[in-house]
Amino acid sequence: MLPSLTVPAGRPIPHRGAPAFHLFMTVDAVGGVWQYGLDLAEELIRQGVGVTLAVLGPEPNPDQLRAARAIRGLTLCPLGTSLDWTALTRREVEAAAAMVAREAERAGADLIHLNSPALAAITEFCAPVIAVAHSCVATWWAAMRPGPLPPDLAWRAALVAEGYRRVDALLSPTRAFAEATAATYGVAPPRVVPNGRRKPADRGHRTPAGAAASPFAFTAGRLWDEGKNARTLDRAAARMHLPLLAAGDLKGPNAAQFAPEHLRPLGRLSDQDVARWLAGAPIYASAARYEPFGLGVLEAASAGCALVLSDIPTFRELWDEAAIFIAPDDDAGFAHAIEMVAADPAIRARLGAEARARSEAFTVEAMTAGVLDAYRAVLEAPPLRAGALA
């Protein structure tokens, strides 16, 4: 049940009947924030919270829209505005922030959840603001490039920094990324609330008996994003007899693209199609150099896949002793590890069982409980922003 919430004026927020409070949350349809937003919104609605999802950036594709419309009680609000990390000018971000503020007030928001924290740098909102540090250009650059940020990214990072300072609470999905965020921006470490996903059985998919008889390797994500480091897996695939399949977009909204030579690209798949591939219990690989959490890895672990992952702080935090770790750019190491696991059913079964057991900690219910604790702390903390919950 939803925790009892009381605003400073003493007005209790009820458990039943009318929504406990109305949440206005920003999402985008480009990466994992979309699935994070849907999963969180669905569970919040189950617990009595009214939720409006405001969609920034490109329009959701038909599969994404179907998933959103399947959530009973969810209000979807496409805004058609730029994302802060794809906008060409500050003015575009200002326009997006103004529209989010206007629509939040129109929706009667009691609390605003920004998955694009830069928006908080530009405008005042009608209610308290919580933001989540899912990723950012400055920490991406630090993981991917030497030297200072170029001017085109520096102004975006400055907005993110100001947004972090202005929100009422800041969350992060891992301790590793919270520490990177604090060090990069000089802010207090964000509160850590790990992401979660529903178990495969909860989504109507089960791993078939005997699936381990035909091993293959699989990866999923934004293949165009250099941070996902699909090029290492592409080189690894050239060294392997085992097929390595890759689900995800090859072109990004920022003109970035990836042309695999040895991976077998499957294109962008629906959540249901990815689950069907994972039901075959492939060996799941990620060579990411920059990954604040990794929902794709979590979904694979929940399906009982053996994990072969890059040795980065995030993955060590989440999957230590439940995966094989390889240096991010060691394509020979990835190829050897994947084929070694494929050749030994006992190792595959053990790694898959360890990954699945570890995934039990990262559920939608646990994520929602952590986020609700943060919401409660903000809603109950005086003083409120001007006009909030008036």
Protein backbone atom coordinates (compact mmCIF):
# COMPACT_ATOMS: atom_id res chain seq x y z
CA MET A 1 0.00 0.00 0.00
CA LEU A 2 1.01 3.60 -0.56
CA PRO A 3 2.71 5.09 2.53
CA SER A 4 0.63 7.67 4.39
CA LEU A 5 1.60 11.12 3.14
CA THR A 6 0.86 14.43 4.82
CA VAL A 7 1.61 17.85 3.36
CA PRO A 8 2.88 20.57 5.73
CA ALA A 9 -0.50 22.27 5.87
CA GLY A 10 -1.77 19.15 7.60
CA ARG A 11 -3.97 17.96 4.76
CA PRO A 12 -3.68 14.13 4.64
CA ILE A 13 -3.29 12.49 1.26
CA PRO A 14 -5.78 9.59 1.21
CA HIS A 15 -5.13 5.95 0.39
CA ARG A 16 -8.30 5.27 -1.58
CA GLY A 17 -10.80 7.03 -3.75
CA ALA A 18 -9.21 10.04 -5.41
CA PRO A 19 -5.54 9.66 -6.36
CA ALA A 20 -3.21 10.00 -3.39
CA PHE A 21 -1.47 12.74 -5.33
CA HIS A 22 -0.88 13.57 -8.95
CA LEU A 23 2.58 12.98 -10.41
CA PHE A 24 3.79 14.65 -13.60
CA MET A 25 6.78 12.72 -14.99
CA THR A 26 8.93 13.45 -18.05
CA VAL A 27 10.18 10.59 -20.22
CA ASP A 28 11.63 10.12 -23.67
CA ALA A 29 11.23 7.27 -26.15
CA VAL A 30 14.91 7.04 -27.15
CA GLY A 31 16.37 4.71 -24.52
CA GLY A 32 15.82 3.03 -21.18
CA VAL A 33 14.07 6.02 -19.62
CA TRP A 34 10.93 5.03 -21.55
CA GLN A 35 10.75 1.59 -19.98
CA TYR A 36 11.73 2.99 -16.58
CA GLY A 37 8.89 5.50 -16.81
CA LEU A 38 6.29 2.94 -17.89
CA ASP A 39 7.23 0.41 -15.23
CA LEU A 40 7.29 3.03 -12.48
CA ALA A 41 4.05 4.65 -13.64
CA GLU A 42 2.21 1.33 -13.77
CA GLU A 43 3.22 0.40 -10.23
CA LEU A 44 2.49 3.89 -8.88
CA ILE A 45 -0.99 3.77 -10.40
CA ARG A 46 -1.55 0.36 -8.76
CA GLN A 47 -0.76 2.06 -5.45
CA GLY A 48 -3.17 4.95 -5.91
CA VAL A 49 -1.05 7.67 -7.50
CA GLY A 50 -2.35 9.62 -10.48
CA VAL A 51 0.32 9.77 -13.22
CA THR A 52 0.81 11.87 -16.34
CA LEU A 53 3.76 10.96 -18.56
CA ALA A 54 5.03 13.88 -20.62
CA VAL A 55 7.02 12.65 -23.62
CA LEU A 56 9.98 14.76 -24.76
CA GLY A 57 11.90 14.25 -27.98
CA PRO A 58 10.91 11.92 -30.84
CA GLU A 59 7.44 10.41 -30.81
CA PRO A 60 7.10 6.90 -29.37
CA ASN A 61 6.91 4.16 -31.98
CA PRO A 62 3.71 2.09 -32.32
CA ASP A 63 4.96 -0.68 -29.99
CA GLN A 64 5.85 1.87 -27.32
CA LEU A 65 2.48 3.55 -27.66
CA ARG A 66 0.67 0.23 -27.31
CA ALA A 67 2.63 -0.51 -24.13
CA ALA A 68 1.74 2.89 -22.69
CA ARG A 69 -1.94 2.64 -23.62
CA ALA A 70 -2.13 -0.77 -21.96
CA ILE A 71 -1.55 0.87 -18.56
CA ARG A 72 -5.00 1.61 -17.26
CA GLY A 73 -5.30 5.08 -15.76
CA LEU A 74 -2.12 6.47 -17.32
CA THR A 75 -2.32 9.87 -19.03
CA LEU A 76 0.15 10.25 -21.91
CA CYS A 77 1.11 13.78 -22.93
CA PRO A 78 3.36 13.99 -26.03
CA LEU A 79 5.05 17.40 -26.08
CA GLY A 80 7.02 17.32 -29.35
CA THR A 81 9.91 19.25 -27.79
CA SER A 82 13.66 18.71 -28.02
CA LEU A 83 15.66 16.65 -25.56
CA ASP A 84 18.32 18.62 -23.74
CA TRP A 85 21.12 16.41 -25.13
CA THR A 86 19.93 16.64 -28.75
CA ALA A 87 18.85 20.30 -28.75
CA LEU A 88 21.00 22.54 -30.92
CA THR A 89 20.54 25.65 -28.79
CA ARG A 90 19.72 26.63 -25.22
CA ARG A 91 16.55 28.25 -26.55
CA GLU A 92 15.19 24.81 -27.50
CA VAL A 93 15.76 23.57 -23.95
CA GLU A 94 14.11 26.70 -22.56
CA ALA A 95 11.07 26.06 -24.75
CA ALA A 96 10.88 22.45 -23.55
CA ALA A 97 11.15 23.51 -19.90
CA ALA A 98 8.44 26.14 -20.32
CA MET A 99 6.11 23.60 -21.93
CA VAL A 100 6.73 21.03 -19.19
CA ALA A 101 6.01 23.65 -16.52
CA ARG A 102 2.84 24.76 -18.28
CA GLU A 103 1.52 21.23 -18.81
CA ALA A 104 2.37 20.19 -15.25
CA GLU A 105 0.30 23.06 -13.90
CA ARG A 106 -2.52 22.26 -16.30
CA ALA A 107 -2.47 18.64 -15.12
CA GLY A 108 -2.76 19.74 -11.49
CA ALA A 109 0.57 18.18 -10.53
CA ASP A 110 1.34 17.81 -6.83
CA LEU A 111 4.83 16.54 -7.59
CA ILE A 112 7.06 16.71 -10.69
CA HIS A 113 9.49 13.93 -11.58
CA LEU A 114 12.09 15.02 -14.15
CA ASN A 115 14.02 12.36 -16.00
CA SER A 116 15.66 15.31 -17.81
CA PRO A 117 17.11 17.27 -14.84
CA ALA A 118 18.43 20.11 -17.04
CA LEU A 119 14.86 21.40 -17.31
CA ALA A 120 14.95 22.40 -13.65
CA ALA A 121 17.72 24.90 -14.40
CA ILE A 122 15.54 27.12 -16.52
CA THR A 123 12.09 27.59 -15.08
CA GLU A 124 10.05 27.44 -11.89
CA PHE A 125 7.52 24.70 -11.48
CA CYS A 126 4.15 24.63 -9.75
CA ALA A 127 5.14 21.80 -7.40
CA PRO A 128 8.18 20.22 -5.74
CA VAL A 129 10.62 18.61 -8.18
CA ILE A 130 12.44 15.29 -7.97
CA ALA A 131 14.96 14.44 -10.68
CA VAL A 132 16.76 11.24 -11.60
CA ALA A 133 20.33 11.24 -12.86
CA HIS A 134 20.04 8.48 -15.47
CA SER A 135 23.01 9.71 -17.53
CA CYS A 136 24.53 12.99 -18.68
CA VAL A 137 26.94 14.39 -21.26
CA ALA A 138 29.67 15.24 -18.72
CA THR A 139 29.95 11.78 -17.15
CA TRP A 140 29.61 10.22 -20.63
CA TRP A 141 32.50 12.35 -21.87
CA ALA A 142 34.64 11.48 -18.86
CA ALA A 143 34.15 7.77 -19.58
CA MET A 144 34.69 8.07 -23.33
CA ARG A 145 37.14 10.88 -24.07
CA PRO A 146 40.25 12.51 -22.60
CA GLY A 147 40.37 16.24 -21.85
CA PRO A 148 37.73 18.88 -21.15
CA LEU A 149 34.22 18.99 -22.56
CA PRO A 150 33.95 20.69 -25.97
CA PRO A 151 31.83 23.87 -26.10
CA ASP A 152 28.88 22.07 -27.71
CA LEU A 153 28.61 19.80 -24.66
CA ALA A 154 29.79 22.25 -22.00
CA TRP A 155 26.67 24.43 -22.15
CA ARG A 156 24.48 21.32 -21.82
CA ALA A 157 26.48 20.11 -18.82
CA ALA A 158 26.13 23.56 -17.22
CA LEU A 159 22.34 23.27 -17.47
CA VAL A 160 22.44 19.80 -15.93
CA ALA A 161 24.61 21.09 -13.07
CA GLU A 162 22.21 23.94 -12.35
CA GLY A 163 19.25 21.58 -12.57
CA TYR A 164 20.85 19.22 -10.06
CA ARG A 165 21.34 22.10 -7.63
CA ARG A 166 17.78 23.39 -7.94
CA VAL A 167 15.71 20.22 -7.56
CA ASP A 168 14.23 19.20 -4.21
CA ALA A 169 15.74 15.71 -4.42
CA LEU A 170 18.08 13.92 -6.82
CA LEU A 171 18.11 10.15 -7.37
CA SER A 172 20.55 7.79 -9.11
CA PRO A 173 20.12 4.12 -10.08
CA THR A 174 23.54 2.98 -8.75
CA ARG A 175 26.05 4.02 -6.12
CA ALA A 176 28.77 4.10 -8.78
CA PHE A 177 26.87 6.61 -10.87
CA ALA A 178 25.84 8.63 -7.82
CA GLU A 179 29.52 9.02 -6.92
CA ALA A 180 30.43 9.94 -10.51
CA THR A 181 27.65 12.53 -10.55
CA ALA A 182 28.75 14.07 -7.24
CA ALA A 183 32.39 14.22 -8.33
CA THR A 184 31.60 15.67 -11.76
CA TYR A 185 29.14 18.36 -10.67
CA GLY A 186 30.20 19.15 -7.11
CA VAL A 187 26.78 18.25 -5.68
CA ALA A 188 25.85 16.00 -2.79
CA PRO A 189 25.67 12.35 -3.87
CA PRO A 190 22.20 11.54 -5.17
CA ARG A 191 19.99 9.14 -3.25
CA VAL A 192 20.43 5.64 -4.71
CA VAL A 193 17.27 3.86 -5.87
CA PRO A 194 18.14 0.91 -8.14
CA ASN A 195 16.10 0.43 -11.27
CA GLY A 196 13.82 -2.58 -11.53
CA ARG A 197 11.98 -4.69 -14.05
CA ARG A 198 9.22 -7.20 -13.78
CA LYS A 199 10.21 -10.86 -13.90
CA PRO A 200 9.79 -12.59 -17.29
CA ALA A 201 6.87 -14.62 -15.90
CA ASP A 202 5.15 -11.36 -14.92
CA ARG A 203 5.35 -10.28 -18.58
CA GLY A 204 3.99 -13.56 -19.88
CA HIS A 205 7.30 -15.13 -21.00
CA ARG A 206 9.00 -18.18 -19.56
CA THR A 207 12.32 -19.75 -20.47
CA PRO A 208 11.44 -23.00 -22.29
CA ALA A 209 12.83 -26.27 -21.01
CA GLY A 210 15.87 -27.38 -22.97
CA ALA A 211 16.59 -23.89 -24.31
CA ALA A 212 20.25 -24.25 -23.36
CA ALA A 213 20.73 -26.92 -26.06
CA SER A 214 21.30 -24.33 -28.81
CA PRO A 215 23.51 -21.59 -27.41
CA PHE A 216 23.89 -18.21 -29.04
CA ALA A 217 25.01 -14.80 -27.83
CA PHE A 218 22.81 -11.73 -27.60
CA THR A 219 23.08 -8.03 -26.81
CA ALA A 220 20.54 -5.22 -26.83
CA GLY A 221 20.49 -1.46 -26.48
CA ARG A 222 21.29 1.75 -28.31
CA LEU A 223 23.87 0.28 -30.67
CA TRP A 224 24.60 3.74 -32.12
CA ASP A 225 25.74 5.07 -28.72
CA GLU A 226 29.53 4.87 -28.39
CA GLY A 227 29.08 4.36 -24.66
CA LYS A 228 27.46 0.97 -25.33
CA ASN A 229 30.67 0.01 -27.14
CA ALA A 230 29.06 -2.34 -29.65
CA ARG A 231 32.23 -2.13 -31.75
CA THR A 232 34.06 -4.36 -29.28
CA LEU A 233 31.32 -6.98 -29.62
CA ASP A 234 31.42 -6.58 -33.39
CA ARG A 235 35.13 -7.41 -33.38
CA ALA A 236 34.50 -10.26 -30.94
CA ALA A 237 31.87 -11.70 -33.27
CA ALA A 238 34.51 -11.97 -36.00
CA ARG A 239 36.51 -14.29 -33.71
CA MET A 240 33.60 -16.59 -32.81
CA HIS A 241 31.79 -19.51 -34.38
CA LEU A 242 28.80 -18.76 -32.19
CA PRO A 243 26.32 -16.22 -33.64
CA LEU A 244 26.12 -12.90 -31.77
CA LEU A 245 22.77 -11.20 -32.31
CA ALA A 246 22.23 -7.51 -31.56
CA ALA A 247 18.86 -5.84 -30.97
CA GLY A 248 18.58 -2.06 -31.12
CA ASP A 249 18.71 1.02 -33.27
CA LEU A 250 21.76 1.56 -35.46
CA LYS A 251 21.04 5.29 -35.87
CA GLY A 252 20.44 7.77 -33.08
CA PRO A 253 18.54 11.07 -32.88
CA ASN A 254 21.85 12.96 -32.67
CA ALA A 255 23.12 11.68 -36.07
CA ALA A 256 25.33 9.02 -34.43
CA GLN A 257 25.27 5.64 -36.17
CA PHE A 258 26.86 2.22 -36.11
CA ALA A 259 27.41 -0.15 -39.04
CA PRO A 260 28.16 -3.67 -37.76
CA GLU A 261 30.34 -5.96 -39.86
CA HIS A 262 30.09 -9.20 -37.88
CA LEU A 263 27.20 -8.83 -35.42
CA ARG A 264 23.81 -9.93 -36.73
CA PRO A 265 21.60 -6.83 -36.31
CA LEU A 266 17.95 -7.47 -35.50
CA GLY A 267 16.87 -3.81 -35.56
CA ARG A 268 14.76 -2.20 -32.90
CA LEU A 269 12.57 -4.82 -31.23
CA SER A 270 9.55 -4.51 -29.02
CA ASP A 271 9.80 -5.44 -25.37
CA GLN A 272 7.89 -8.62 -26.15
CA ASP A 273 10.24 -9.57 -28.99
CA VAL A 274 13.33 -9.03 -26.83
CA ALA A 275 11.74 -11.24 -24.16
CA ARG A 276 11.19 -13.97 -26.76
CA TRP A 277 14.87 -13.92 -27.72
CA LEU A 278 15.90 -13.99 -24.06
CA ALA A 279 13.59 -16.93 -23.45
CA GLY A 280 16.08 -18.97 -25.50
CA ALA A 281 18.62 -18.43 -22.67
CA PRO A 282 21.38 -16.90 -24.80
CA ILE A 283 24.69 -15.76 -23.36
CA TYR A 284 24.12 -12.05 -22.83
CA ALA A 285 27.04 -9.75 -23.54
CA SER A 286 27.59 -6.06 -22.87
CA ALA A 287 30.91 -4.33 -23.51
CA ALA A 288 29.63 -0.94 -22.35
CA ARG A 289 32.22 1.63 -21.35
CA TYR A 290 29.51 3.95 -19.96
CA GLU A 291 26.43 2.46 -18.32
CA PRO A 292 24.78 4.11 -15.31
CA PHE A 293 22.62 1.00 -14.74
CA GLY A 294 21.82 -1.32 -17.67
CA LEU A 295 18.18 -2.39 -17.94
CA GLY A 296 19.06 -4.77 -20.79
CA VAL A 297 21.43 -6.70 -18.54
CA LEU A 298 18.80 -6.87 -15.81
CA GLU A 299 16.20 -8.23 -18.21
CA ALA A 300 18.64 -10.87 -19.44
CA ALA A 301 19.55 -11.83 -15.88
CA SER A 302 15.86 -12.15 -14.97
CA ALA A 303 15.48 -14.59 -17.87
CA GLY A 304 18.34 -16.72 -16.54
CA CYS A 305 20.94 -15.78 -19.13
CA ALA A 306 24.63 -16.20 -18.40
CA LEU A 307 26.24 -12.75 -18.34
CA VAL A 308 29.55 -11.67 -19.92
CA LEU A 309 30.02 -8.00 -19.06
CA SER A 310 32.54 -5.20 -19.29
CA ASP A 311 34.52 -4.62 -16.13
CA ILE A 312 33.18 -1.19 -15.17
CA PRO A 313 32.14 0.08 -11.70
CA THR A 314 28.38 -0.08 -12.41
CA PHE A 315 28.39 -3.70 -13.53
CA ARG A 316 30.72 -4.73 -10.67
CA GLU A 317 28.34 -3.09 -8.19
CA LEU A 318 25.29 -4.87 -9.56
CA TRP A 319 26.59 -8.21 -10.84
CA ASP A 320 29.84 -9.03 -9.01
CA GLU A 321 30.13 -12.83 -8.55
CA ALA A 322 27.14 -13.31 -10.90
CA ALA A 323 28.88 -12.63 -14.23
CA ILE A 324 32.16 -12.96 -16.11
CA PHE A 325 33.93 -9.60 -16.44
CA ILE A 326 36.15 -8.57 -19.35
CA ALA A 327 37.97 -5.29 -20.02
CA PRO A 328 35.64 -3.13 -22.20
CA ASP A 329 37.90 -3.05 -25.28
CA ASP A 330 39.17 -6.65 -25.10
CA ASP A 331 37.35 -8.20 -28.05
CA ALA A 332 39.49 -11.36 -27.85
CA GLY A 333 38.57 -11.71 -24.18
CA PHE A 334 34.85 -11.37 -24.92
CA ALA A 335 35.05 -13.93 -27.72
CA HIS A 336 36.92 -16.42 -25.55
CA ALA A 337 34.59 -15.99 -22.57
CA ILE A 338 31.42 -16.33 -24.65
CA GLU A 339 32.61 -19.45 -26.45
CA MET A 340 33.92 -20.98 -23.22
CA VAL A 341 30.52 -20.53 -21.57
CA ALA A 342 28.74 -21.83 -24.66
CA ALA A 343 30.86 -24.99 -24.67
CA ASP A 344 30.14 -25.90 -21.04
CA PRO A 345 26.45 -26.38 -20.13
CA ALA A 346 27.31 -26.60 -16.43
CA ILE A 347 28.98 -23.18 -16.44
CA ARG A 348 26.09 -21.72 -18.43
CA ALA A 349 23.56 -23.11 -15.98
CA ARG A 350 25.49 -21.89 -12.94
CA LEU A 351 26.01 -18.38 -14.31
CA GLY A 352 22.38 -18.16 -15.42
CA ALA A 353 21.15 -19.23 -11.98
CA GLU A 354 23.44 -16.74 -10.24
CA ALA A 355 22.30 -13.92 -12.52
CA ARG A 356 18.65 -14.76 -11.98
CA ALA A 357 19.11 -14.91 -8.20
CA ARG A 358 20.83 -11.51 -8.20
CA SER A 359 18.06 -10.01 -10.34
CA GLU A 360 15.52 -10.79 -7.62
CA ALA A 361 16.72 -7.67 -5.79
CA PHE A 362 15.92 -5.39 -8.73
CA THR A 363 12.16 -5.52 -9.07
CA VAL A 364 9.66 -2.87 -10.07
CA GLU A 365 8.13 -3.15 -6.60
CA ALA A 366 11.47 -2.45 -4.88
CA MET A 367 12.21 0.44 -7.25
CA THR A 368 8.78 1.96 -6.66
CA ALA A 369 9.12 1.65 -2.89
CA GLY A 370 12.42 3.54 -3.02
CA VAL A 371 11.02 6.24 -5.27
CA LEU A 372 7.92 6.61 -3.07
CA ASP A 373 10.16 7.09 -0.04
CA ALA A 374 11.85 9.95 -1.89
CA TYR A 375 8.49 11.41 -2.91
CA ARG A 376 7.27 11.26 0.69
CA ALA A 377 10.37 12.97 2.00
CA VAL A 378 9.92 15.84 -0.43
CA LEU A 379 6.16 16.20 0.03
CA GLU A 380 6.47 16.24 3.80
CA ALA A 381 9.48 18.55 4.01
CA PRO A 382 8.73 22.24 4.66
CA PRO A 383 8.87 24.70 3.13
CA LEU A 384 7.04 23.89 -0.06
CA ARG A 385 7.70 25.75 -3.29
CA ALA A 386 5.39 28.68 -3.89
CA GLY A 387 2.09 27.45 -5.20
CA ALA A 388 2.79 23.76 -4.62
CA LEU A 389 -0.20 21.80 -3.31
CA ALA A 390 -2.01 25.05 -2.59
